[in-house]
Full PDB file with SEQRES, HELIX, SHEET, SSBOND, CRYST1, ORIGX, SCALE, CONECT and MASTER records, all heavy atoms in Angstrom:
SEQRES   1 A   32  ILE ASP VAL SER SER ASP PRO ASP ASP SER GLN GLY PHE          
SEQRES   2 A   32  THR LEU LEU GLN ALA SER HIS ARG GLU VAL ALA ILE LEU          
SEQRES   3 A   32  HIS LEU ALA ALA GLY HIS                                      
HELIX    1 AA1 LEU A   15  LEU A   28  1                                  14    
CRYST1    1.000    1.000    1.000  90.00  90.00  90.00 P 1           1          
ORIGX1      1.000000  0.000000  0.000000        0.00000                         
ORIGX2      0.000000  1.000000  0.000000        0.00000                         
ORIGX3      0.000000  0.000000  1.000000        0.00000                         
SCALE1      1.000000  0.000000  0.000000        0.00000                         
SCALE2      0.000000  1.000000  0.000000        0.00000                         
SCALE3      0.000000  0.000000  1.000000        0.00000                         
ATOM      1  N   ILE A   1      -2.421   5.558 -16.643  1.00  0.00           N  
ATOM      2  CA  ILE A   1      -2.742   5.290 -15.248  1.00  0.00           C  
ATOM      3  C   ILE A   1      -4.255   5.288 -15.061  1.00  0.00           C  
ATOM      4  O   ILE A   1      -4.939   6.231 -15.457  1.00  0.00           O  
ATOM      5  CB  ILE A   1      -2.115   6.354 -14.323  1.00  0.00           C  
ATOM      6  CG1 ILE A   1      -0.605   6.411 -14.542  1.00  0.00           C  
ATOM      7  CG2 ILE A   1      -2.449   6.080 -12.871  1.00  0.00           C  
ATOM      8  CD1 ILE A   1       0.068   7.581 -13.884  1.00  0.00           C  
ATOM      9  N   ASP A   2      -4.772   4.240 -14.432  1.00  0.00           N  
ATOM     10  CA  ASP A   2      -6.191   4.137 -14.116  1.00  0.00           C  
ATOM     11  C   ASP A   2      -6.394   4.610 -12.681  1.00  0.00           C  
ATOM     12  O   ASP A   2      -6.041   3.912 -11.736  1.00  0.00           O  
ATOM     13  CB  ASP A   2      -6.664   2.698 -14.276  1.00  0.00           C  
ATOM     14  CG  ASP A   2      -8.126   2.515 -13.908  1.00  0.00           C  
ATOM     15  OD1 ASP A   2      -8.838   3.529 -13.753  1.00  0.00           O  
ATOM     16  OD2 ASP A   2      -8.554   1.356 -13.787  1.00  0.00           O  
ATOM     17  N   VAL A   3      -6.947   5.817 -12.517  1.00  0.00           N  
ATOM     18  CA  VAL A   3      -7.172   6.357 -11.175  1.00  0.00           C  
ATOM     19  C   VAL A   3      -8.623   6.171 -10.733  1.00  0.00           C  
ATOM     20  O   VAL A   3      -9.032   6.715  -9.706  1.00  0.00           O  
ATOM     21  CB  VAL A   3      -6.767   7.848 -11.074  1.00  0.00           C  
ATOM     22  CG1 VAL A   3      -5.289   8.017 -11.272  1.00  0.00           C  
ATOM     23  CG2 VAL A   3      -7.561   8.695 -12.034  1.00  0.00           C  
ATOM     24  N   SER A   4      -9.389   5.393 -11.478  1.00  0.00           N  
ATOM     25  CA  SER A   4     -10.807   5.255 -11.159  1.00  0.00           C  
ATOM     26  C   SER A   4     -11.055   4.572  -9.822  1.00  0.00           C  
ATOM     27  O   SER A   4     -11.992   4.902  -9.110  1.00  0.00           O  
ATOM     28  CB  SER A   4     -11.539   4.513 -12.274  1.00  0.00           C  
ATOM     29  OG  SER A   4     -11.003   3.219 -12.433  1.00  0.00           O  
ATOM     30  N   SER A   5     -10.210   3.604  -9.454  1.00  0.00           N  
ATOM     31  CA  SER A   5     -10.414   2.917  -8.176  1.00  0.00           C  
ATOM     32  C   SER A   5      -9.765   3.684  -7.026  1.00  0.00           C  
ATOM     33  O   SER A   5     -10.224   3.607  -5.894  1.00  0.00           O  
ATOM     34  CB  SER A   5      -9.858   1.495  -8.243  1.00  0.00           C  
ATOM     35  OG  SER A   5      -8.487   1.529  -8.555  1.00  0.00           O  
ATOM     36  N   ASP A   6      -8.680   4.422  -7.304  1.00  0.00           N  
ATOM     37  CA  ASP A   6      -7.990   5.304  -6.358  1.00  0.00           C  
ATOM     38  C   ASP A   6      -7.683   4.674  -4.996  1.00  0.00           C  
ATOM     39  O   ASP A   6      -8.001   5.240  -3.963  1.00  0.00           O  
ATOM     40  CB  ASP A   6      -8.783   6.594  -6.184  1.00  0.00           C  
ATOM     41  CG  ASP A   6      -7.888   7.764  -5.772  1.00  0.00           C  
ATOM     42  OD1 ASP A   6      -6.667   7.681  -5.997  1.00  0.00           O  
ATOM     43  OD2 ASP A   6      -8.418   8.735  -5.229  1.00  0.00           O  
ATOM     44  N   PRO A   7      -7.041   3.498  -4.958  1.00  0.00           N  
ATOM     45  CA  PRO A   7      -6.666   2.903  -3.672  1.00  0.00           C  
ATOM     46  C   PRO A   7      -5.439   3.597  -3.078  1.00  0.00           C  
ATOM     47  O   PRO A   7      -4.726   4.317  -3.780  1.00  0.00           O  
ATOM     48  CB  PRO A   7      -6.316   1.464  -4.038  1.00  0.00           C  
ATOM     49  CG  PRO A   7      -5.809   1.578  -5.444  1.00  0.00           C  
ATOM     50  CD  PRO A   7      -6.625   2.684  -6.077  1.00  0.00           C  
ATOM     51  N   ASP A   8      -5.166   3.389  -1.805  1.00  0.00           N  
ATOM     52  CA  ASP A   8      -3.953   3.909  -1.170  1.00  0.00           C  
ATOM     53  C   ASP A   8      -2.775   3.041  -1.542  1.00  0.00           C  
ATOM     54  O   ASP A   8      -2.904   1.829  -1.696  1.00  0.00           O  
ATOM     55  CB  ASP A   8      -4.091   3.916   0.353  1.00  0.00           C  
ATOM     56  CG  ASP A   8      -5.092   4.953   0.848  1.00  0.00           C  
ATOM     57  OD1 ASP A   8      -5.521   5.783   0.034  1.00  0.00           O  
ATOM     58  OD2 ASP A   8      -5.430   4.913   2.029  1.00  0.00           O  
ATOM     59  N   ASP A   9      -1.583   3.658  -1.700  1.00  0.00           N  
ATOM     60  CA  ASP A   9      -0.381   2.867  -1.957  1.00  0.00           C  
ATOM     61  C   ASP A   9       0.297   2.520  -0.631  1.00  0.00           C  
ATOM     62  O   ASP A   9      -0.223   2.805   0.447  1.00  0.00           O  
ATOM     63  CB  ASP A   9       0.568   3.589  -2.919  1.00  0.00           C  
ATOM     64  CG  ASP A   9       1.249   4.819  -2.331  1.00  0.00           C  
ATOM     65  OD1 ASP A   9       1.047   5.108  -1.139  1.00  0.00           O  
ATOM     66  OD2 ASP A   9       1.991   5.477  -3.068  1.00  0.00           O  
ATOM     67  N   SER A  10       1.474   1.924  -0.697  1.00  0.00           N  
ATOM     68  CA  SER A  10       2.161   1.460   0.510  1.00  0.00           C  
ATOM     69  C   SER A  10       2.584   2.597   1.433  1.00  0.00           C  
ATOM     70  O   SER A  10       2.843   2.376   2.604  1.00  0.00           O  
ATOM     71  CB  SER A  10       3.382   0.622   0.122  1.00  0.00           C  
ATOM     72  OG  SER A  10       4.301   1.419  -0.602  1.00  0.00           O  
ATOM     73  N   GLN A  11       2.653   3.826   0.922  1.00  0.00           N  
ATOM     74  CA  GLN A  11       3.054   4.973   1.739  1.00  0.00           C  
ATOM     75  C   GLN A  11       1.844   5.784   2.210  1.00  0.00           C  
ATOM     76  O   GLN A  11       1.998   6.853   2.781  1.00  0.00           O  
ATOM     77  CB  GLN A  11       4.014   5.861   0.964  1.00  0.00           C  
ATOM     78  CG  GLN A  11       5.316   5.158   0.628  1.00  0.00           C  
ATOM     79  CD  GLN A  11       6.234   6.034  -0.198  1.00  0.00           C  
ATOM     80  OE1 GLN A  11       5.819   7.035  -0.781  1.00  0.00           O  
ATOM     81  NE2 GLN A  11       7.490   5.659  -0.265  1.00  0.00           N  
ATOM     82  N   GLY A  12       0.635   5.291   1.941  1.00  0.00           N  
ATOM     83  CA  GLY A  12      -0.565   5.976   2.388  1.00  0.00           C  
ATOM     84  C   GLY A  12      -1.093   7.028   1.439  1.00  0.00           C  
ATOM     85  O   GLY A  12      -2.057   7.711   1.749  1.00  0.00           O  
ATOM     86  N   PHE A  13      -0.471   7.178   0.269  1.00  0.00           N  
ATOM     87  CA  PHE A  13      -0.962   8.132  -0.720  1.00  0.00           C  
ATOM     88  C   PHE A  13      -2.066   7.482  -1.541  1.00  0.00           C  
ATOM     89  O   PHE A  13      -2.016   6.292  -1.831  1.00  0.00           O  
ATOM     90  CB  PHE A  13       0.164   8.550  -1.689  1.00  0.00           C  
ATOM     91  CG  PHE A  13       1.230   9.385  -1.068  1.00  0.00           C  
ATOM     92  CD1 PHE A  13       2.433   8.819  -0.686  1.00  0.00           C  
ATOM     93  CD2 PHE A  13       1.040  10.740  -0.877  1.00  0.00           C  
ATOM     94  CE1 PHE A  13       3.428   9.584  -0.119  1.00  0.00           C  
ATOM     95  CE2 PHE A  13       2.040  11.521  -0.307  1.00  0.00           C  
ATOM     96  CZ  PHE A  13       3.235  10.935   0.070  1.00  0.00           C  
ATOM     97  N   THR A  14      -3.056   8.267  -1.939  1.00  0.00           N  
ATOM     98  CA  THR A  14      -4.028   7.742  -2.886  1.00  0.00           C  
ATOM     99  C   THR A  14      -3.336   7.644  -4.242  1.00  0.00           C  
ATOM    100  O   THR A  14      -2.288   8.271  -4.466  1.00  0.00           O  
ATOM    101  CB  THR A  14      -5.266   8.650  -3.010  1.00  0.00           C  
ATOM    102  OG1 THR A  14      -4.870   9.894  -3.586  1.00  0.00           O  
ATOM    103  CG2 THR A  14      -5.953   8.867  -1.674  1.00  0.00           C  
ATOM    104  N   LEU A  15      -3.905   6.895  -5.134  1.00  0.00           N  
ATOM    105  CA  LEU A  15      -3.310   6.730  -6.457  1.00  0.00           C  
ATOM    106  C   LEU A  15      -3.207   8.068  -7.175  1.00  0.00           C  
ATOM    107  O   LEU A  15      -2.201   8.359  -7.826  1.00  0.00           O  
ATOM    108  CB  LEU A  15      -4.140   5.736  -7.273  1.00  0.00           C  
ATOM    109  CG  LEU A  15      -3.608   5.368  -8.631  1.00  0.00           C  
ATOM    110  CD1 LEU A  15      -2.189   4.818  -8.531  1.00  0.00           C  
ATOM    111  CD2 LEU A  15      -4.513   4.342  -9.273  1.00  0.00           C  
ATOM    112  N   LEU A  16      -4.210   8.901  -7.026  1.00  0.00           N  
ATOM    113  CA  LEU A  16      -4.173  10.217  -7.658  1.00  0.00           C  
ATOM    114  C   LEU A  16      -3.041  11.066  -7.083  1.00  0.00           C  
ATOM    115  O   LEU A  16      -2.292  11.706  -7.829  1.00  0.00           O  
ATOM    116  CB  LEU A  16      -5.518  10.926  -7.484  1.00  0.00           C  
ATOM    117  CG  LEU A  16      -5.672  12.257  -8.208  1.00  0.00           C  
ATOM    118  CD1 LEU A  16      -5.453  12.090  -9.708  1.00  0.00           C  
ATOM    119  CD2 LEU A  16      -7.041  12.847  -7.939  1.00  0.00           C  
ATOM    120  N   GLN A  17      -2.857  11.058  -5.762  1.00  0.00           N  
ATOM    121  CA  GLN A  17      -1.760  11.807  -5.136  1.00  0.00           C  
ATOM    122  C   GLN A  17      -0.409  11.263  -5.596  1.00  0.00           C  
ATOM    123  O   GLN A  17       0.516  12.039  -5.888  1.00  0.00           O  
ATOM    124  CB  GLN A  17      -1.855  11.719  -3.612  1.00  0.00           C  
ATOM    125  CG  GLN A  17      -3.004  12.480  -3.006  1.00  0.00           C  
ATOM    126  CD  GLN A  17      -3.177  12.158  -1.530  1.00  0.00           C  
ATOM    127  OE1 GLN A  17      -2.977  11.023  -1.101  1.00  0.00           O  
ATOM    128  NE2 GLN A  17      -3.558  13.154  -0.755  1.00  0.00           N  
ATOM    129  N   ALA A  18      -0.280   9.951  -5.641  1.00  0.00           N  
ATOM    130  CA  ALA A  18       0.978   9.338  -6.072  1.00  0.00           C  
ATOM    131  C   ALA A  18       1.272   9.689  -7.529  1.00  0.00           C  
ATOM    132  O   ALA A  18       2.424   9.924  -7.899  1.00  0.00           O  
ATOM    133  CB  ALA A  18       0.922   7.828  -5.890  1.00  0.00           C  
ATOM    134  N   SER A  19       0.231   9.768  -8.362  1.00  0.00           N  
ATOM    135  CA  SER A  19       0.418  10.132  -9.767  1.00  0.00           C  
ATOM    136  C   SER A  19       0.884  11.572  -9.895  1.00  0.00           C  
ATOM    137  O   SER A  19       1.776  11.870 -10.687  1.00  0.00           O  
ATOM    138  CB  SER A  19      -0.890   9.931 -10.534  1.00  0.00           C  
ATOM    139  OG  SER A  19      -1.269   8.580 -10.503  1.00  0.00           O  
ATOM    140  N   HIS A  20       0.300  12.465  -9.100  1.00  0.00           N  
ATOM    141  CA  HIS A  20       0.741  13.864  -9.116  1.00  0.00           C  
ATOM    142  C   HIS A  20       2.198  13.976  -8.675  1.00  0.00           C  
ATOM    143  O   HIS A  20       2.972  14.752  -9.234  1.00  0.00           O  
ATOM    144  CB  HIS A  20      -0.148  14.725  -8.220  1.00  0.00           C  
ATOM    145  CG  HIS A  20      -1.467  15.065  -8.837  1.00  0.00           C  
ATOM    146  ND1 HIS A  20      -1.605  15.939  -9.876  1.00  0.00           N  
ATOM    147  CD2 HIS A  20      -2.705  14.618  -8.553  1.00  0.00           C  
ATOM    148  CE1 HIS A  20      -2.865  16.031 -10.214  1.00  0.00           C  
ATOM    149  NE2 HIS A  20      -3.571  15.234  -9.422  1.00  0.00           N  
ATOM    150  N   ARG A  21       2.575  13.191  -7.671  1.00  0.00           N  
ATOM    151  CA  ARG A  21       3.961  13.197  -7.184  1.00  0.00           C  
ATOM    152  C   ARG A  21       4.904  12.685  -8.281  1.00  0.00           C  
ATOM    153  O   ARG A  21       5.982  13.255  -8.504  1.00  0.00           O  
ATOM    154  CB  ARG A  21       4.068  12.314  -5.933  1.00  0.00           C  
ATOM    155  CG  ARG A  21       5.427  12.368  -5.282  1.00  0.00           C  
ATOM    156  CD  ARG A  21       5.452  11.522  -4.047  1.00  0.00           C  
ATOM    157  NE  ARG A  21       5.226  10.125  -4.442  1.00  0.00           N  
ATOM    158  CZ  ARG A  21       5.089   9.121  -3.613  1.00  0.00           C  
ATOM    159  NH1 ARG A  21       5.121   9.317  -2.326  1.00  0.00           N  
ATOM    160  NH2 ARG A  21       4.913   7.903  -4.052  1.00  0.00           N  
ATOM    161  N   GLU A  22       4.500  11.644  -8.996  1.00  0.00           N  
ATOM    162  CA  GLU A  22       5.332  11.104 -10.073  1.00  0.00           C  
ATOM    163  C   GLU A  22       5.516  12.128 -11.187  1.00  0.00           C  
ATOM    164  O   GLU A  22       6.614  12.291 -11.722  1.00  0.00           O  
ATOM    165  CB  GLU A  22       4.701   9.832 -10.633  1.00  0.00           C  
ATOM    166  CG  GLU A  22       5.532   9.179 -11.694  1.00  0.00           C  
ATOM    167  CD  GLU A  22       4.965   7.851 -12.168  1.00  0.00           C  
ATOM    168  OE1 GLU A  22       3.996   7.349 -11.569  1.00  0.00           O  
ATOM    169  OE2 GLU A  22       5.515   7.318 -13.140  1.00  0.00           O  
ATOM    170  N   VAL A  23       4.460  12.842 -11.544  1.00  0.00           N  
ATOM    171  CA  VAL A  23       4.557  13.880 -12.571  1.00  0.00           C  
ATOM    172  C   VAL A  23       5.515  14.980 -12.128  1.00  0.00           C  
ATOM    173  O   VAL A  23       6.346  15.450 -12.915  1.00  0.00           O  
ATOM    174  CB  VAL A  23       3.161  14.459 -12.897  1.00  0.00           C  
ATOM    175  CG1 VAL A  23       3.271  15.713 -13.752  1.00  0.00           C  
ATOM    176  CG2 VAL A  23       2.307  13.412 -13.594  1.00  0.00           C  
ATOM    177  N   ALA A  24       5.448  15.380 -10.856  1.00  0.00           N  
ATOM    178  CA  ALA A  24       6.364  16.406 -10.339  1.00  0.00           C  
ATOM    179  C   ALA A  24       7.810  15.948 -10.436  1.00  0.00           C  
ATOM    180  O   ALA A  24       8.698  16.724 -10.811  1.00  0.00           O  
ATOM    181  CB  ALA A  24       6.005  16.744  -8.890  1.00  0.00           C  
ATOM    182  N   ILE A  25       8.060  14.682 -10.135  1.00  0.00           N  
ATOM    183  CA  ILE A  25       9.425  14.140 -10.234  1.00  0.00           C  
ATOM    184  C   ILE A  25       9.891  14.125 -11.682  1.00  0.00           C  
ATOM    185  O   ILE A  25      11.038  14.476 -11.986  1.00  0.00           O  
ATOM    186  CB  ILE A  25       9.486  12.730  -9.617  1.00  0.00           C  
ATOM    187  CG1 ILE A  25       9.295  12.818  -8.093  1.00  0.00           C  
ATOM    188  CG2 ILE A  25      10.795  12.026  -9.960  1.00  0.00           C  
ATOM    189  CD1 ILE A  25       9.048  11.489  -7.417  1.00  0.00           C  
ATOM    190  N   LEU A  26       9.013  13.756 -12.602  1.00  0.00           N  
ATOM    191  CA  LEU A  26       9.377  13.747 -14.021  1.00  0.00           C  
ATOM    192  C   LEU A  26       9.687  15.164 -14.518  1.00  0.00           C  
ATOM    193  O   LEU A  26      10.571  15.349 -15.352  1.00  0.00           O  
ATOM    194  CB  LEU A  26       8.275  13.109 -14.859  1.00  0.00           C  
ATOM    195  CG  LEU A  26       8.154  11.592 -14.701  1.00  0.00           C  
ATOM    196  CD1 LEU A  26       6.910  11.081 -15.408  1.00  0.00           C  
ATOM    197  CD2 LEU A  26       9.399  10.894 -15.230  1.00  0.00           C  
ATOM    198  N   HIS A  27       8.991  16.154 -13.995  1.00  0.00           N  
ATOM    199  CA  HIS A  27       9.297  17.547 -14.371  1.00  0.00           C  
ATOM    200  C   HIS A  27      10.698  17.930 -13.895  1.00  0.00           C  
ATOM    201  O   HIS A  27      11.400  18.676 -14.569  1.00  0.00           O  
ATOM    202  CB  HIS A  27       8.257  18.513 -13.813  1.00  0.00           C  
ATOM    203  CG  HIS A  27       7.012  18.578 -14.636  1.00  0.00           C  
ATOM    204  ND1 HIS A  27       6.953  19.136 -15.886  1.00  0.00           N  
ATOM    205  CD2 HIS A  27       5.765  18.121 -14.383  1.00  0.00           C  
ATOM    206  CE1 HIS A  27       5.748  19.043 -16.369  1.00  0.00           C  
ATOM    207  NE2 HIS A  27       4.995  18.417 -15.473  1.00  0.00           N  
ATOM    208  N   LEU A  28      11.110  17.417 -12.746  1.00  0.00           N  
ATOM    209  CA  LEU A  28      12.467  17.681 -12.258  1.00  0.00           C  
ATOM    210  C   LEU A  28      13.519  17.065 -13.179  1.00  0.00           C  
ATOM    211  O   LEU A  28      14.638  17.564 -13.273  1.00  0.00           O  
ATOM    212  CB  LEU A  28      12.642  17.130 -10.838  1.00  0.00           C  
ATOM    213  CG  LEU A  28      11.857  17.836  -9.734  1.00  0.00           C  
ATOM    214  CD1 LEU A  28      12.012  17.081  -8.419  1.00  0.00           C  
ATOM    215  CD2 LEU A  28      12.329  19.275  -9.587  1.00  0.00           C  
ATOM    216  N   ALA A  29      13.153  15.979 -13.852  1.00  0.00           N  
ATOM    217  CA  ALA A  29      14.085  15.290 -14.747  1.00  0.00           C  
ATOM    218  C   ALA A  29      14.010  15.833 -16.177  1.00  0.00           C  
ATOM    219  O   ALA A  29      14.670  15.304 -17.072  1.00  0.00           O  
ATOM    220  CB  ALA A  29      13.791  13.793 -14.750  1.00  0.00           C  
ATOM    221  N   ALA A  30      13.216  16.870 -16.388  1.00  0.00           N  
ATOM    222  CA  ALA A  30      13.071  17.447 -17.726  1.00  0.00           C  
ATOM    223  C   ALA A  30      14.439  17.836 -18.281  1.00  0.00           C  
ATOM    224  O   ALA A  30      15.299  18.329 -17.562  1.00  0.00           O  
ATOM    225  CB  ALA A  30      12.158  18.667 -17.677  1.00  0.00           C  
ATOM    226  N   GLY A  31      14.626  17.577 -19.541  1.00  0.00           N  
ATOM    227  CA  GLY A  31      15.895  17.882 -20.181  1.00  0.00           C  
ATOM    228  C   GLY A  31      16.794  16.658 -20.308  1.00  0.00           C  
ATOM    229  O   GLY A  31      17.753  16.665 -21.074  1.00  0.00           O  
ATOM    230  N   HIS A  32      16.490  15.613 -19.560  1.00  0.00           N  
ATOM    231  CA  HIS A  32      17.258  14.371 -19.686  1.00  0.00           C  
ATOM    232  C   HIS A  32      16.908  13.737 -21.030  1.00  0.00           C  
ATOM    233  O   HIS A  32      15.754  13.763 -21.460  1.00  0.00           O  
ATOM    234  CB  HIS A  32      16.903  13.422 -18.539  1.00  0.00           C  
ATOM    235  CG  HIS A  32      17.789  12.216 -18.473  1.00  0.00           C  
ATOM    236  ND1 HIS A  32      17.616  11.125 -19.292  1.00  0.00           N  
ATOM    237  CD2 HIS A  32      18.871  11.937 -17.697  1.00  0.00           C  
ATOM    238  CE1 HIS A  32      18.532  10.230 -19.007  1.00  0.00           C  
ATOM    239  NE2 HIS A  32      19.315  10.701 -18.052  1.00  0.00           N  
TER     240      HIS A  32                                                      
MASTER        0    0    0    1    0    0    0    6  239    1    0    3          
END                                                                             
């Protein structure tokens, strides 16, 4: 993931915030 430009996504999250959210979701799926 390239967070250098850090634009907002369609839900208003910055790219860095959206990346942190994605990592949290992947942790919930741990063990799959």
